[in-house]
Amino acid sequence: MPGCLPPEQPAPHAGRYHAAGDPWPLYAALDRDTMWAEWARASDAPRQPVDDPRWVCELEADLTVLDLREPATRRALRVGVPGLTGPWSPEAPNRDARRVARIAAELGVDGVIVPSAAADDGWNLVILPRAFERVRMRRRRRETPPSESV
């Protein structure tokens, strides 16, 4: 899936659900509004949408995931949406997010559906590298973000 998967080298810095030096997971939004909210949050400099077109990949996958949209799953993992979407930086990891990542690895699941820290009521799918071979690209196209996302 060229252009859709993260780089094959280890991540040079930590992310909300991975440590520096880990293989990059694939972070995918479950809806368009969340996708563009995540893009706007991750962009490190002010950009006009026309200046920053992106590849948008529509994916399908057959995965075993922890679904944190389910309150019972969050209770079992002792995490809440506010904790998972709370402050984070590479230097100050989010403890709840790291707990979820650790448990996902221990359970051997393919990914985790997690709340978006960029979009209220938005959800993302964090796909672990071991599951990449079960992710298929349905469509890939070049798009510019809507103006309201900047």
N, C-alpha and C. Protein backbone atom coordinates (compact mmCIF):
# COMPACT_ATOMS: atom_id res chain seq x y z
N MET A 1 0.82 -1.18 0.00
CA MET A 1 0.00 0.00 0.00
C MET A 1 0.87 1.25 0.00
N PRO A 2 1.63 1.49 -1.03
CA PRO A 2 2.48 2.69 -1.03
C PRO A 2 1.65 3.94 -0.77
N GLY A 3 2.20 4.83 0.05
CA GLY A 3 1.52 6.08 0.33
C GLY A 3 0.47 6.00 1.42
N CYS A 4 0.17 4.82 1.90
CA CYS A 4 -0.85 4.68 2.95
C CYS A 4 -0.26 4.18 4.25
N LEU A 5 0.77 3.38 4.17
CA LEU A 5 1.38 2.85 5.38
C LEU A 5 2.43 3.83 5.92
N PRO A 6 2.64 3.80 7.23
CA PRO A 6 3.69 4.65 7.79
C PRO A 6 5.08 4.18 7.34
N PRO A 7 6.10 4.98 7.59
CA PRO A 7 7.46 4.57 7.20
C PRO A 7 7.84 3.23 7.83
N GLU A 8 8.71 2.49 7.14
CA GLU A 8 9.12 1.17 7.65
C GLU A 8 10.19 1.26 8.73
N GLN A 9 10.84 2.39 8.87
CA GLN A 9 11.86 2.51 9.90
C GLN A 9 11.20 2.76 11.25
N PRO A 10 11.94 2.52 12.31
CA PRO A 10 11.40 2.80 13.65
C PRO A 10 11.03 4.28 13.80
N ALA A 11 10.03 4.54 14.61
CA ALA A 11 9.60 5.92 14.84
C ALA A 11 10.71 6.69 15.56
N PRO A 12 11.10 7.85 15.05
CA PRO A 12 12.17 8.62 15.69
C PRO A 12 11.72 9.28 16.99
N HIS A 13 10.42 9.40 17.17
CA HIS A 13 9.89 10.00 18.40
C HIS A 13 8.62 9.25 18.80
N ALA A 14 8.25 9.42 20.04
CA ALA A 14 7.06 8.75 20.55
C ALA A 14 5.80 9.38 19.98
N GLY A 15 4.75 8.58 19.96
CA GLY A 15 3.41 9.05 19.62
C GLY A 15 2.50 8.72 20.79
N ARG A 16 1.27 9.08 20.69
CA ARG A 16 0.34 8.83 21.78
C ARG A 16 0.28 7.34 22.11
N TYR A 17 0.34 6.46 21.09
CA TYR A 17 0.19 5.02 21.31
C TYR A 17 1.43 4.21 20.89
N HIS A 18 2.58 4.86 20.75
CA HIS A 18 3.82 4.13 20.49
C HIS A 18 5.01 4.89 21.09
N ALA A 19 6.05 4.15 21.39
CA ALA A 19 7.27 4.74 21.97
C ALA A 19 8.28 5.02 20.85
N ALA A 20 9.21 5.92 21.12
CA ALA A 20 10.31 6.16 20.19
C ALA A 20 11.05 4.85 19.98
N GLY A 21 11.38 4.56 18.75
CA GLY A 21 12.09 3.32 18.43
C GLY A 21 11.17 2.16 18.09
N ASP A 22 9.88 2.26 18.41
CA ASP A 22 8.91 1.24 18.01
C ASP A 22 8.61 1.39 16.53
N PRO A 23 8.15 0.33 15.89
CA PRO A 23 7.66 0.49 14.52
C PRO A 23 6.44 1.42 14.54
N TRP A 24 6.30 2.23 13.50
CA TRP A 24 5.15 3.12 13.41
C TRP A 24 3.86 2.32 13.29
N PRO A 25 2.85 2.61 14.08
CA PRO A 25 1.52 2.07 13.81
C PRO A 25 0.87 2.93 12.72
N LEU A 26 -0.23 2.47 12.20
CA LEU A 26 -1.01 3.25 11.25
C LEU A 26 -2.16 3.89 12.01
N TYR A 27 -2.22 5.19 12.02
CA TYR A 27 -3.31 5.91 12.66
C TYR A 27 -4.33 6.27 11.58
N ALA A 28 -5.57 5.80 11.71
CA ALA A 28 -6.60 6.04 10.70
C ALA A 28 -7.87 6.54 11.39
N ALA A 29 -8.40 7.63 10.88
CA ALA A 29 -9.66 8.16 11.41
C ALA A 29 -10.82 7.33 10.89
N LEU A 30 -11.88 7.24 11.68
CA LEU A 30 -13.05 6.47 11.27
C LEU A 30 -14.04 7.29 10.45
N ASP A 31 -13.83 8.61 10.37
CA ASP A 31 -14.71 9.45 9.55
C ASP A 31 -13.91 10.64 9.02
N ARG A 32 -14.46 11.30 7.98
CA ARG A 32 -13.74 12.41 7.32
C ARG A 32 -13.48 13.59 8.24
N ASP A 33 -14.49 14.00 9.03
CA ASP A 33 -14.29 15.16 9.89
C ASP A 33 -13.15 14.93 10.88
N THR A 34 -13.10 13.72 11.44
CA THR A 34 -12.01 13.39 12.36
C THR A 34 -10.68 13.36 11.63
N MET A 35 -10.66 12.82 10.42
CA MET A 35 -9.43 12.77 9.63
C MET A 35 -8.85 14.17 9.47
N TRP A 36 -9.68 15.13 9.06
CA TRP A 36 -9.16 16.48 8.82
C TRP A 36 -8.85 17.19 10.14
N ALA A 37 -9.58 16.91 11.20
CA ALA A 37 -9.25 17.50 12.51
C ALA A 37 -7.88 16.99 12.97
N GLU A 38 -7.62 15.70 12.77
CA GLU A 38 -6.32 15.13 13.13
C GLU A 38 -5.21 15.76 12.29
N TRP A 39 -5.45 15.94 11.00
CA TRP A 39 -4.46 16.59 10.13
C TRP A 39 -4.14 17.99 10.65
N ALA A 40 -5.19 18.76 10.96
CA ALA A 40 -4.97 20.13 11.42
C ALA A 40 -4.16 20.15 12.72
N ARG A 41 -4.47 19.23 13.62
CA ARG A 41 -3.75 19.19 14.90
C ARG A 41 -2.29 18.77 14.71
N ALA A 42 -2.04 17.85 13.79
CA ALA A 42 -0.69 17.33 13.58
C ALA A 42 0.19 18.27 12.76
N SER A 43 -0.42 19.17 12.01
CA SER A 43 0.36 20.11 11.19
C SER A 43 1.08 21.07 12.12
N ASP A 44 2.38 21.17 11.94
CA ASP A 44 3.17 21.96 12.89
C ASP A 44 3.37 23.41 12.49
N ALA A 45 2.83 23.82 11.37
CA ALA A 45 2.94 25.21 10.97
C ALA A 45 1.64 25.62 10.30
N PRO A 46 1.27 26.89 10.40
CA PRO A 46 0.04 27.32 9.75
C PRO A 46 0.17 27.13 8.24
N ARG A 47 -0.82 26.51 7.65
CA ARG A 47 -0.81 26.26 6.21
C ARG A 47 -2.20 26.56 5.66
N GLN A 48 -2.22 26.98 4.46
CA GLN A 48 -3.49 27.10 3.76
C GLN A 48 -3.77 25.73 3.15
N PRO A 49 -5.02 25.28 3.15
CA PRO A 49 -5.32 23.96 2.62
C PRO A 49 -4.78 23.72 1.22
N VAL A 50 -4.87 24.72 0.36
CA VAL A 50 -4.41 24.53 -1.01
C VAL A 50 -2.91 24.26 -1.07
N ASP A 51 -2.17 24.71 -0.04
CA ASP A 51 -0.72 24.51 0.01
C ASP A 51 -0.30 23.16 0.58
N ASP A 52 -1.24 22.38 1.04
CA ASP A 52 -0.87 21.14 1.72
C ASP A 52 -1.77 19.96 1.33
N PRO A 53 -1.81 19.63 0.03
CA PRO A 53 -2.64 18.49 -0.35
C PRO A 53 -2.10 17.21 0.27
N ARG A 54 -2.98 16.29 0.56
CA ARG A 54 -2.62 15.03 1.21
C ARG A 54 -3.18 13.85 0.43
N TRP A 55 -2.50 12.72 0.58
CA TRP A 55 -3.06 11.48 0.07
C TRP A 55 -4.08 10.99 1.09
N VAL A 56 -5.26 10.72 0.63
CA VAL A 56 -6.32 10.18 1.48
C VAL A 56 -6.57 8.75 1.01
N CYS A 57 -6.44 7.82 1.94
CA CYS A 57 -6.60 6.41 1.62
C CYS A 57 -7.85 5.87 2.31
N GLU A 58 -8.69 5.24 1.54
CA GLU A 58 -9.85 4.54 2.09
C GLU A 58 -9.43 3.08 2.22
N LEU A 59 -9.53 2.56 3.43
CA LEU A 59 -9.01 1.23 3.72
C LEU A 59 -10.12 0.28 4.14
N GLU A 60 -9.87 -0.99 3.96
CA GLU A 60 -10.71 -2.03 4.56
C GLU A 60 -9.78 -3.04 5.19
N ALA A 61 -10.25 -3.62 6.26
CA ALA A 61 -9.39 -4.54 7.00
C ALA A 61 -10.23 -5.54 7.77
N ASP A 62 -9.66 -6.71 7.98
CA ASP A 62 -10.28 -7.74 8.81
C ASP A 62 -9.36 -7.91 10.01
N LEU A 63 -9.69 -7.20 11.11
CA LEU A 63 -8.80 -7.11 12.25
C LEU A 63 -9.52 -7.46 13.55
N THR A 64 -8.74 -7.91 14.51
CA THR A 64 -9.22 -8.07 15.88
C THR A 64 -8.76 -6.83 16.64
N VAL A 65 -9.72 -6.09 17.18
CA VAL A 65 -9.37 -4.83 17.83
C VAL A 65 -10.02 -4.71 19.20
N LEU A 66 -9.38 -3.91 20.04
CA LEU A 66 -10.01 -3.45 21.27
C LEU A 66 -10.81 -2.22 20.88
N ASP A 67 -12.08 -2.21 21.17
CA ASP A 67 -12.94 -1.10 20.78
C ASP A 67 -13.26 -0.25 22.01
N LEU A 68 -12.56 0.86 22.13
CA LEU A 68 -12.73 1.72 23.30
C LEU A 68 -13.98 2.60 23.20
N ARG A 69 -14.75 2.46 22.13
CA ARG A 69 -16.05 3.13 22.10
C ARG A 69 -16.99 2.47 23.10
N GLU A 70 -16.67 1.22 23.44
CA GLU A 70 -17.50 0.47 24.39
C GLU A 70 -17.12 0.83 25.82
N PRO A 71 -18.07 1.39 26.59
CA PRO A 71 -17.76 1.75 27.98
C PRO A 71 -17.23 0.57 28.80
N ALA A 72 -17.76 -0.63 28.56
CA ALA A 72 -17.29 -1.80 29.32
C ALA A 72 -15.81 -2.08 29.05
N THR A 73 -15.37 -1.87 27.83
CA THR A 73 -13.95 -2.08 27.49
C THR A 73 -13.10 -1.04 28.22
N ARG A 74 -13.54 0.20 28.21
CA ARG A 74 -12.77 1.25 28.92
C ARG A 74 -12.72 0.96 30.41
N ARG A 75 -13.84 0.50 30.98
CA ARG A 75 -13.83 0.17 32.41
C ARG A 75 -12.86 -0.97 32.69
N ALA A 76 -12.87 -2.00 31.84
CA ALA A 76 -11.98 -3.14 32.05
C ALA A 76 -10.51 -2.73 31.97
N LEU A 77 -10.21 -1.75 31.13
CA LEU A 77 -8.83 -1.28 30.98
C LEU A 77 -8.49 -0.15 31.95
N ARG A 78 -9.49 0.28 32.72
CA ARG A 78 -9.32 1.37 33.68
C ARG A 78 -8.83 2.67 33.01
N VAL A 79 -9.50 3.02 31.90
CA VAL A 79 -9.20 4.27 31.20
C VAL A 79 -10.52 4.96 30.85
N GLY A 80 -10.45 6.26 30.68
CA GLY A 80 -11.60 7.03 30.27
C GLY A 80 -11.24 7.90 29.08
N VAL A 81 -12.25 8.37 28.37
CA VAL A 81 -12.01 9.23 27.21
C VAL A 81 -11.22 10.48 27.61
N PRO A 82 -11.57 11.17 28.70
CA PRO A 82 -10.77 12.36 29.05
C PRO A 82 -9.30 12.04 29.31
N GLY A 83 -9.03 10.91 29.93
CA GLY A 83 -7.64 10.53 30.17
C GLY A 83 -6.90 10.22 28.88
N LEU A 84 -7.55 9.53 27.96
CA LEU A 84 -6.91 9.15 26.69
C LEU A 84 -6.68 10.34 25.78
N THR A 85 -7.53 11.35 25.87
CA THR A 85 -7.39 12.51 24.99
C THR A 85 -6.68 13.67 25.69
N GLY A 86 -6.26 13.44 26.92
CA GLY A 86 -5.59 14.49 27.69
C GLY A 86 -4.20 14.81 27.17
N PRO A 87 -3.50 15.67 27.90
CA PRO A 87 -2.18 16.13 27.47
C PRO A 87 -1.23 14.99 27.12
N TRP A 88 -0.41 15.25 26.12
CA TRP A 88 0.56 14.29 25.65
C TRP A 88 1.67 15.06 24.94
N SER A 89 2.87 14.57 25.06
CA SER A 89 4.00 15.03 24.25
C SER A 89 5.02 13.91 24.24
N PRO A 90 5.96 13.92 23.30
CA PRO A 90 6.98 12.86 23.30
C PRO A 90 7.76 12.81 24.61
N GLU A 91 7.92 13.96 25.25
CA GLU A 91 8.66 14.01 26.51
C GLU A 91 7.79 13.65 27.72
N ALA A 92 6.49 13.76 27.57
CA ALA A 92 5.55 13.48 28.68
C ALA A 92 4.41 12.60 28.16
N PRO A 93 4.65 11.29 28.05
CA PRO A 93 3.63 10.40 27.50
C PRO A 93 2.34 10.42 28.32
N ASN A 94 1.27 10.12 27.66
CA ASN A 94 -0.04 9.99 28.30
C ASN A 94 -0.12 8.58 28.89
N ARG A 95 -0.24 8.48 30.21
CA ARG A 95 -0.21 7.18 30.89
C ARG A 95 -1.34 6.26 30.45
N ASP A 96 -2.54 6.81 30.27
CA ASP A 96 -3.67 5.97 29.85
C ASP A 96 -3.44 5.40 28.45
N ALA A 97 -2.97 6.24 27.54
CA ALA A 97 -2.71 5.78 26.17
C ALA A 97 -1.62 4.71 26.18
N ARG A 98 -0.58 4.92 26.95
CA ARG A 98 0.49 3.92 27.03
C ARG A 98 -0.01 2.61 27.63
N ARG A 99 -0.90 2.68 28.62
CA ARG A 99 -1.46 1.47 29.21
C ARG A 99 -2.24 0.70 28.14
N VAL A 100 -3.05 1.40 27.36
CA VAL A 100 -3.83 0.76 26.30
C VAL A 100 -2.90 0.11 25.28
N ALA A 101 -1.85 0.81 24.87
CA ALA A 101 -0.90 0.25 23.91
C ALA A 101 -0.23 -1.01 24.46
N ARG A 102 0.17 -0.96 25.73
CA ARG A 102 0.82 -2.12 26.35
C ARG A 102 -0.14 -3.31 26.41
N ILE A 103 -1.37 -3.08 26.83
CA ILE A 103 -2.35 -4.16 26.93
C ILE A 103 -2.67 -4.73 25.55
N ALA A 104 -2.79 -3.86 24.54
CA ALA A 104 -3.05 -4.34 23.18
C ALA A 104 -1.93 -5.27 22.72
N ALA A 105 -0.69 -4.89 23.00
CA ALA A 105 0.45 -5.75 22.63
C ALA A 105 0.41 -7.07 23.39
N GLU A 106 0.10 -7.01 24.67
CA GLU A 106 0.03 -8.24 25.48
C GLU A 106 -1.08 -9.17 25.00
N LEU A 107 -2.20 -8.60 24.60
CA LEU A 107 -3.33 -9.42 24.14
C LEU A 107 -3.14 -9.93 22.71
N GLY A 108 -2.23 -9.33 21.98
CA GLY A 108 -1.98 -9.75 20.60
C GLY A 108 -3.04 -9.29 19.62
N VAL A 109 -3.78 -8.22 19.96
CA VAL A 109 -4.78 -7.71 19.02
C VAL A 109 -4.09 -6.96 17.88
N ASP A 110 -4.85 -6.71 16.84
CA ASP A 110 -4.31 -6.04 15.66
C ASP A 110 -4.35 -4.53 15.76
N GLY A 111 -5.22 -4.03 16.62
CA GLY A 111 -5.36 -2.59 16.73
C GLY A 111 -6.32 -2.21 17.83
N VAL A 112 -6.50 -0.89 17.96
CA VAL A 112 -7.36 -0.35 19.01
C VAL A 112 -8.14 0.83 18.43
N ILE A 113 -9.44 0.84 18.67
CA ILE A 113 -10.24 2.01 18.32
C ILE A 113 -10.18 2.94 19.52
N VAL A 114 -9.65 4.15 19.29
CA VAL A 114 -9.36 5.10 20.37
C VAL A 114 -10.05 6.43 20.10
N PRO A 115 -10.34 7.18 21.19
CA PRO A 115 -10.95 8.49 20.97
C PRO A 115 -9.94 9.45 20.35
N SER A 116 -10.45 10.33 19.51
CA SER A 116 -9.62 11.35 18.89
C SER A 116 -9.36 12.47 19.89
N ALA A 117 -8.12 12.89 19.98
CA ALA A 117 -7.78 14.04 20.82
C ALA A 117 -8.01 15.33 20.04
N ALA A 118 -8.31 15.22 18.74
CA ALA A 118 -8.48 16.41 17.90
C ALA A 118 -9.93 16.72 17.58
N ALA A 119 -10.81 15.75 17.70
CA ALA A 119 -12.21 15.96 17.31
C ALA A 119 -13.14 15.42 18.40
N ASP A 120 -13.95 16.28 18.94
CA ASP A 120 -14.94 15.82 19.91
C ASP A 120 -15.80 14.74 19.26
N ASP A 121 -16.01 13.66 19.96
CA ASP A 121 -16.81 12.53 19.48
C ASP A 121 -16.20 11.82 18.28
N GLY A 122 -14.95 12.11 17.93
CA GLY A 122 -14.28 11.42 16.83
C GLY A 122 -13.52 10.21 17.34
N TRP A 123 -13.32 9.25 16.46
CA TRP A 123 -12.61 8.01 16.82
C TRP A 123 -11.61 7.66 15.74
N ASN A 124 -10.49 7.09 16.18
CA ASN A 124 -9.42 6.64 15.29
C ASN A 124 -9.17 5.16 15.50
N LEU A 125 -8.62 4.54 14.49
CA LEU A 125 -8.17 3.16 14.59
C LEU A 125 -6.65 3.17 14.52
N VAL A 126 -6.02 2.68 15.58
CA VAL A 126 -4.58 2.53 15.61
C VAL A 126 -4.30 1.08 15.20
N ILE A 127 -3.72 0.89 14.01
CA ILE A 127 -3.43 -0.45 13.50
C ILE A 127 -1.96 -0.76 13.77
N LEU A 128 -1.73 -1.86 14.47
CA LEU A 128 -0.37 -2.25 14.81
C LEU A 128 0.32 -2.88 13.59
N PRO A 129 1.63 -2.70 13.45
CA PRO A 129 2.35 -3.17 12.27
C PRO A 129 2.14 -4.65 11.95
N ARG A 130 1.96 -5.50 12.97
CA ARG A 130 1.79 -6.93 12.69
C ARG A 130 0.55 -7.21 11.84
N ALA A 131 -0.37 -6.25 11.75
CA ALA A 131 -1.62 -6.47 11.02
C ALA A 131 -1.63 -5.80 9.64
N PHE A 132 -0.55 -5.13 9.27
CA PHE A 132 -0.55 -4.40 8.00
C PHE A 132 -0.90 -5.27 6.81
N GLU A 133 -0.50 -6.54 6.83
CA GLU A 133 -0.78 -7.40 5.67
C GLU A 133 -2.28 -7.69 5.52
N ARG A 134 -3.08 -7.38 6.53
CA ARG A 134 -4.53 -7.59 6.44
C ARG A 134 -5.29 -6.29 6.19
N VAL A 135 -4.57 -5.25 5.83
CA VAL A 135 -5.18 -3.97 5.48
C VAL A 135 -5.08 -3.81 3.98
N ARG A 136 -6.22 -3.52 3.36
CA ARG A 136 -6.27 -3.34 1.91
C ARG A 136 -6.72 -1.92 1.58
N MET A 137 -6.13 -1.37 0.57
CA MET A 137 -6.52 -0.05 0.12
C MET A 137 -7.68 -0.19 -0.86
N ARG A 138 -8.78 0.48 -0.57
CA ARG A 138 -9.92 0.49 -1.50
C ARG A 138 -9.76 1.60 -2.51
N ARG A 139 -9.27 2.74 -2.03
CA ARG A 139 -9.14 3.89 -2.91
C ARG A 139 -8.11 4.84 -2.33
N ARG A 140 -7.35 5.49 -3.21
CA ARG A 140 -6.35 6.47 -2.80
C ARG A 140 -6.49 7.67 -3.72
N ARG A 141 -6.61 8.86 -3.12
CA ARG A 141 -6.76 10.05 -3.93
C ARG A 141 -6.07 11.24 -3.24
N ARG A 142 -5.73 12.22 -4.00
CA ARG A 142 -5.09 13.44 -3.50
C ARG A 142 -6.19 14.45 -3.18
N GLU A 143 -6.18 14.99 -1.96
CA GLU A 143 -7.19 15.96 -1.54
C GLU A 143 -6.53 17.09 -0.77
N THR A 144 -7.17 18.23 -0.82
CA THR A 144 -6.76 19.32 0.06
C THR A 144 -7.77 19.39 1.19
N PRO A 145 -7.31 19.74 2.38
CA PRO A 145 -8.23 19.82 3.51
C PRO A 145 -9.25 20.93 3.32
N PRO A 146 -10.42 20.77 3.90
CA PRO A 146 -11.39 21.87 3.83
C PRO A 146 -10.86 23.08 4.59
N SER A 147 -11.21 24.26 4.15
CA SER A 147 -10.70 25.49 4.78
C SER A 147 -11.02 25.57 6.25
N GLU A 148 -12.15 25.05 6.68
CA GLU A 148 -12.52 25.15 8.10
C GLU A 148 -11.66 24.28 8.99
N SER A 149 -10.81 23.39 8.44
CA SER A 149 -9.98 22.53 9.29
C SER A 149 -8.67 23.22 9.67
N VAL A 150 -8.38 24.37 9.11
CA VAL A 150 -7.14 25.07 9.47
C VAL A 150 -7.37 26.18 10.45
